[in-house]
Protein backbone atom coordinates (compact mmCIF):
# COMPACT_ATOMS: atom_id res chain seq x y z
CA MET A 1 0.00 0.00 0.00
CA LEU A 2 1.24 3.49 -0.82
CA PRO A 3 2.27 5.63 2.17
CA THR A 4 0.55 8.88 3.07
CA LEU A 5 2.20 12.25 2.61
CA LEU A 6 2.65 12.63 6.37
CA GLU A 7 4.26 9.19 6.77
CA THR A 8 6.70 9.88 3.93
CA LEU A 9 7.48 13.36 5.21
CA GLN A 10 8.20 12.13 8.73
CA LYS A 11 10.58 9.46 7.45
CA THR A 12 12.34 12.04 5.29
CA VAL A 13 12.77 14.46 8.19
CA ALA A 14 14.20 11.68 10.36
CA PHE A 15 16.64 10.76 7.57
CA PHE A 16 17.74 14.38 7.16
CA GLU A 17 18.25 14.78 10.91
CA LYS A 18 20.45 11.68 10.91
CA LYS A 19 22.51 13.20 8.07
CA GLY A 20 22.86 16.53 9.90
CA VAL A 21 20.87 18.49 7.33
CA PRO A 22 20.14 21.99 8.69
CA GLN A 23 16.44 22.84 9.05
CA ALA A 24 15.57 19.24 8.24
CA ARG A 25 11.81 19.79 8.31
CA LEU A 26 11.95 22.86 6.09
CA SER A 27 14.25 21.17 3.58
CA ALA A 28 11.91 18.20 3.35
CA GLU A 29 8.86 20.42 2.90
CA TRP A 30 10.46 22.38 0.05
CA LEU A 31 11.27 19.14 -1.79
CA PHE A 32 7.82 17.67 -1.20
CA ALA A 33 6.05 20.84 -2.34
CA GLU A 34 8.10 20.93 -5.53
CA ALA A 35 7.51 17.24 -6.27
CA LEU A 36 3.77 17.59 -5.68
CA GLY A 37 3.46 20.90 -7.54
CA CYS A 38 1.93 22.80 -4.63
CA LYS A 39 2.82 25.53 -2.15
CA ARG A 40 4.76 24.45 0.91
CA LEU A 41 2.00 25.45 3.32
CA ASP A 42 -0.52 23.43 1.31
CA LEU A 43 1.24 20.27 2.46
CA TYR A 44 -0.46 20.59 5.85
CA LEU A 45 -3.85 20.19 4.15
CA ARG A 46 -2.77 17.05 2.30
CA TYR A 47 -1.22 14.92 5.06
CA THR A 48 -3.67 12.04 4.62
CA GLU A 49 -3.27 11.79 0.83
CA LEU A 50 -1.50 8.73 -0.57
CA MET A 51 1.76 9.50 -2.34
CA PRO A 52 1.72 8.67 -6.09
CA GLU A 53 4.45 6.24 -7.13
CA ALA A 54 5.85 8.69 -9.70
CA VAL A 55 6.26 11.32 -7.00
CA LEU A 56 7.94 8.81 -4.67
CA VAL A 57 10.46 7.92 -7.39
CA LYS A 58 11.36 11.59 -7.87
CA LEU A 59 11.57 12.19 -4.13
CA ARG A 60 13.88 9.23 -3.53
CA GLU A 61 16.46 10.81 -5.84
CA TRP A 62 16.03 14.29 -4.37
CA VAL A 63 16.14 13.08 -0.77
CA ALA A 64 19.34 11.16 -1.45
CA ARG A 65 20.94 14.28 -2.93
CA ARG A 66 19.84 16.43 -0.01
CA GLY A 67 21.18 13.78 2.35
CA ARG A 68 24.56 14.34 0.70
CA ARG A 69 24.07 18.01 1.68
CA GLU A 70 23.41 19.36 -1.81
CA PRO A 71 21.41 22.60 -1.38
CA TRP A 72 17.69 22.13 -1.95
CA GLN A 73 17.73 25.20 -4.23
CA TYR A 74 20.06 23.39 -6.64
CA ILE A 75 17.95 20.24 -6.44
CA VAL A 76 14.64 21.89 -7.33
CA GLY A 77 16.38 24.38 -9.62
CA HIS A 78 14.84 27.65 -8.47
CA THR A 79 14.33 29.88 -5.45
CA PRO A 80 12.31 33.00 -4.59
CA PHE A 81 14.05 36.35 -4.23
CA LEU A 82 11.85 39.21 -3.06
CA GLU A 83 9.14 39.48 -5.75
CA ILE A 84 10.84 37.35 -8.42
CA GLU A 85 11.69 33.67 -8.89
CA LEU A 86 15.22 32.76 -9.97
CA LYS A 87 16.65 29.69 -11.64
CA THR A 88 19.45 28.32 -9.46
CA ASP A 89 22.29 25.94 -10.24
CA ALA A 90 25.98 25.48 -9.49
CA ARG A 91 27.04 28.22 -11.93
CA ALA A 92 26.38 30.87 -9.27
CA LEU A 93 25.78 31.37 -5.57
CA ILE A 94 22.32 30.76 -4.19
CA PRO A 95 20.75 34.15 -3.41
CA ARG A 96 20.78 34.75 0.34
CA PRO A 97 18.26 36.39 2.69
CA GLU A 98 20.99 38.95 3.51
CA THR A 99 21.12 40.00 -0.14
CA GLU A 100 17.33 40.29 -0.17
CA MET A 101 17.69 42.62 2.82
CA LEU A 102 20.33 44.69 0.98
CA VAL A 103 17.98 45.23 -1.96
CA ALA A 104 14.95 45.79 0.27
CA THR A 105 16.88 48.44 2.21
CA LEU A 106 17.72 50.25 -1.02
CA LEU A 107 14.11 50.18 -2.16
CA GLU A 108 12.75 51.36 1.19
CA ASN A 109 15.17 54.26 1.57
CA ALA A 110 15.40 55.58 -2.00
CA SER A 111 14.37 59.22 -2.15
CA GLU A 112 13.96 58.97 -5.92
CA ALA A 113 14.19 56.25 -8.54
CA PRO A 114 17.73 55.72 -9.88
CA ARG A 115 18.19 56.12 -13.63
CA ARG A 116 21.36 54.03 -14.03
CA ILE A 117 22.33 51.06 -11.83
CA LEU A 118 25.46 48.88 -11.90
CA ASP A 119 25.35 45.41 -10.30
CA LEU A 120 28.86 44.05 -9.82
CA GLY A 121 29.28 40.27 -9.53
CA THR A 122 25.70 39.64 -10.56
CA GLY A 123 25.82 35.83 -10.21
CA SER A 124 22.30 34.55 -10.83
CA GLY A 125 21.16 38.11 -11.56
CA ALA A 126 19.26 38.46 -8.28
CA ILE A 127 20.11 42.09 -7.55
CA ALA A 128 19.98 43.39 -11.12
CA LEU A 129 16.72 41.65 -11.97
CA SER A 130 14.92 42.52 -8.75
CA LEU A 131 15.85 46.18 -9.28
CA ALA A 132 14.79 45.98 -12.93
CA HIS A 133 11.45 44.66 -11.70
CA ALA A 134 11.15 47.51 -9.19
CA TYR A 135 12.36 50.31 -11.48
CA PRO A 136 10.99 49.77 -15.00
CA GLU A 137 12.47 53.05 -16.26
CA ALA A 138 16.01 52.39 -15.05
CA THR A 139 18.96 51.31 -17.18
CA ILE A 140 20.74 48.42 -15.48
CA VAL A 141 24.10 46.85 -16.22
CA ALA A 142 24.94 43.48 -14.64
CA VAL A 143 28.63 42.54 -14.50
CA ASP A 144 30.33 39.26 -13.76
CA LYS A 145 33.78 37.84 -14.42
CA SER A 146 32.32 34.34 -14.89
CA VAL A 147 30.81 33.56 -18.29
CA HIS A 148 28.90 30.72 -16.65
CA ALA A 149 27.29 32.99 -14.08
CA LEU A 150 26.43 35.51 -16.79
CA ALA A 151 24.75 32.77 -18.81
CA LEU A 152 22.59 31.87 -15.82
CA ALA A 153 21.73 35.53 -15.19
CA LYS A 154 20.70 35.94 -18.83
CA GLU A 155 18.49 32.85 -18.60
CA ASN A 156 16.81 34.36 -15.56
CA ALA A 157 16.30 37.64 -17.39
CA VAL A 158 14.58 35.82 -20.25
CA ARG A 159 12.40 33.81 -17.83
CA LEU A 160 11.30 37.05 -16.17
CA ASN A 161 10.84 38.93 -19.46
CA LEU A 162 13.48 41.45 -18.35
CA ASP A 163 16.15 40.64 -20.93
CA ALA A 164 15.50 43.86 -22.86
CA ARG A 165 15.93 45.90 -19.68
CA VAL A 166 19.29 44.61 -18.41
CA GLU A 167 22.66 44.70 -20.17
CA PHE A 168 25.06 41.88 -19.24
CA LEU A 169 28.78 42.56 -19.33
CA GLN A 170 31.71 40.24 -18.74
CA SER A 171 34.24 42.15 -16.69
CA ASP A 172 36.63 41.70 -13.78
CA TRP A 173 34.91 44.31 -11.61
CA PHE A 174 35.41 47.66 -13.39
CA ALA A 175 37.81 46.48 -16.11
CA ALA A 176 35.24 46.83 -18.92
CA VAL A 177 32.97 49.42 -17.25
CA THR A 178 32.98 52.90 -18.79
CA ALA A 179 29.83 54.79 -17.75
CA GLU A 180 28.74 56.56 -14.57
CA TYR A 181 25.87 55.36 -12.39
CA ASP A 182 23.43 56.58 -9.76
CA TRP A 183 23.80 53.33 -7.83
CA ILE A 184 26.60 50.77 -7.69
CA ILE A 185 25.74 47.60 -5.79
CA ALA A 186 27.75 44.47 -5.09
CA ASN A 187 27.73 41.28 -3.06
CA PRO A 188 31.38 40.32 -3.62
CA PRO A 189 33.41 37.46 -2.13
CA TYR A 190 34.18 38.34 1.49
CA LEU A 191 34.82 35.10 3.39
CA THR A 192 38.29 34.25 4.66
CA PRO A 193 39.72 30.78 3.96
CA ALA A 194 39.30 30.01 7.68
CA GLU A 195 35.62 31.00 7.55
CA LEU A 196 35.10 28.77 4.54
CA LEU A 197 36.48 25.78 6.46
CA THR A 198 33.77 26.24 9.09
CA ALA A 199 30.97 26.69 6.55
CA GLU A 200 28.28 24.05 6.05
CA PRO A 201 28.87 21.40 3.33
CA GLU A 202 26.05 23.00 1.31
CA VAL A 203 28.31 26.02 0.86
CA LYS A 204 31.88 24.74 0.68
CA ASP A 205 31.15 21.54 -1.26
CA TYR A 206 28.65 22.83 -3.83
CA GLU A 207 28.77 26.58 -4.39
CA PRO A 208 31.46 28.27 -6.54
CA LEU A 209 34.37 29.06 -4.23
CA ASN A 210 35.59 32.01 -6.31
CA ALA A 211 32.34 33.79 -5.44
CA LEU A 212 32.84 33.19 -1.72
CA VAL A 213 36.45 33.71 -0.64
CA ALA A 214 38.66 36.80 -0.87
CA ALA A 215 42.26 37.46 0.14
CA GLU A 216 43.41 39.97 2.76
CA GLU A 217 41.06 38.67 5.46
CA GLY A 218 38.15 38.78 3.04
CA ARG A 219 38.69 42.46 2.22
CA GLN A 220 40.45 42.36 -1.15
CA ASP A 221 37.43 42.54 -3.46
CA LEU A 222 35.58 44.97 -1.22
CA ASP A 223 38.59 47.30 -1.40
CA LEU A 224 38.91 46.97 -5.18
CA ILE A 225 35.24 47.86 -5.57
CA LEU A 226 35.48 50.83 -3.20
CA GLN A 227 38.47 52.17 -5.13
CA GLY A 228 36.95 51.64 -8.57
CA ALA A 229 33.42 52.76 -7.80
CA TYR A 230 34.26 56.37 -6.99
CA ALA A 231 35.15 57.18 -10.60
CA HIS A 232 31.98 55.48 -11.88
CA LEU A 233 29.49 57.12 -9.52
CA LYS A 234 27.71 60.31 -10.43
CA PRO A 235 28.11 63.11 -7.87
CA GLY A 236 25.92 62.13 -4.93
CA GLY A 237 25.70 58.58 -6.28
CA LEU A 238 25.23 55.67 -3.89
CA ILE A 239 27.41 52.62 -3.31
CA ALA A 240 25.89 49.66 -1.44
CA LEU A 241 27.92 46.58 -0.49
CA GLU A 242 27.30 43.34 1.34
CA MET A 243 30.31 42.49 3.50
CA GLY A 244 31.68 40.15 6.15
CA ILE A 245 30.62 40.61 9.76
CA SER A 246 34.15 41.60 10.82
CA HIS A 247 34.58 44.32 8.19
CA GLY A 248 32.52 47.13 9.69
CA ASP A 249 35.20 49.29 11.31
CA TRP A 250 37.65 48.78 8.44
CA ILE A 251 35.18 49.63 5.68
CA LEU A 252 33.97 52.82 7.39
CA LYS A 253 37.55 54.04 7.71
CA ARG A 254 38.48 52.96 4.17
CA GLY A 255 35.42 54.61 2.67
CA GLN A 256 36.25 57.90 4.35
CA GLU A 257 39.89 57.66 3.20
CA LEU A 258 38.70 57.33 -0.39
CA GLY A 259 36.51 60.41 -0.16
CA TYR A 260 33.06 58.89 0.35
CA ILE A 261 30.53 60.77 2.46
CA LYS A 262 27.55 59.66 4.55
CA THR A 263 29.28 56.32 5.21
CA ASP A 264 27.11 53.93 7.16
CA VAL A 265 27.12 50.29 8.24
CA LYS A 266 23.79 48.53 8.76
CA ARG A 267 23.07 45.24 10.48
CA ASP A 268 21.36 42.12 9.16
CA LEU A 269 18.45 40.29 10.78
CA THR A 270 20.82 38.56 13.22
CA GLY A 271 22.14 41.91 14.44
CA ARG A 272 25.55 41.59 12.79
CA ALA A 273 27.23 44.30 10.71
CA ARG A 274 26.55 43.24 7.10
CA PHE A 275 25.97 46.20 4.75
CA PHE A 276 27.93 49.32 3.81
CA PHE A 277 26.33 52.40 2.29
CA ALA A 278 28.03 55.60 1.18
CA GLN A 279 27.82 58.40 -1.37
CA ARG A 280 30.24 60.08 -3.70
CA SER A 281 30.81 63.66 -2.59
């Protein structure tokens, strides 16, 4: 006899807990919702339903992969980001809640809509595409050094019908950038090698390491962006960066040394210093 949804879910959660999967229940629910083609919260209304054999076959493969600590976002192939849905795979980092908070903070505090936006290290396109969605009149350029990440970002732009609104540029930070912008935004690599060693297997074993780790105690890429951005910001233009939790004091001092004004560090939902904001004088 086929098992019920609840029976299968409980066994999956127990398996994940044995494998040390973080948020075992949530991981299982995301996989089940995807396999059944429903919203995650709808699972609670379907506990007594029998699981179709075809769904069980799919779930056995997915559960085994998650048990090996592959991120569920790579398994199902997409993830929500603010008001958009992004395709996700190993070509780019999985968009994080912290990056959602960075974009949400920009949207909430903008005194006027920016006309030109530069997204450095676009990865899956999360920042560029969410801002294109929010600001239909803006010109947006999304930069990445990785051709593979750019390909994924372009696929997401097409899926969201935003491909005519965003220009994609292969560049090592500012190497191929020529214009000036109202906003420059980046979520660059900022982990130290030591921090990577303590990261969960989902991160260090599956996500692209060149998008995670930076030299000089995680500061190298942040510093390169701070130095390069000044010449590409319009007067009064805004720079917004996601950074490591130990970088707050350094980045405030470095920003002031480079001539930025209104430098500010904001905290993430866990209360840790995570975002840097400043303006060109």
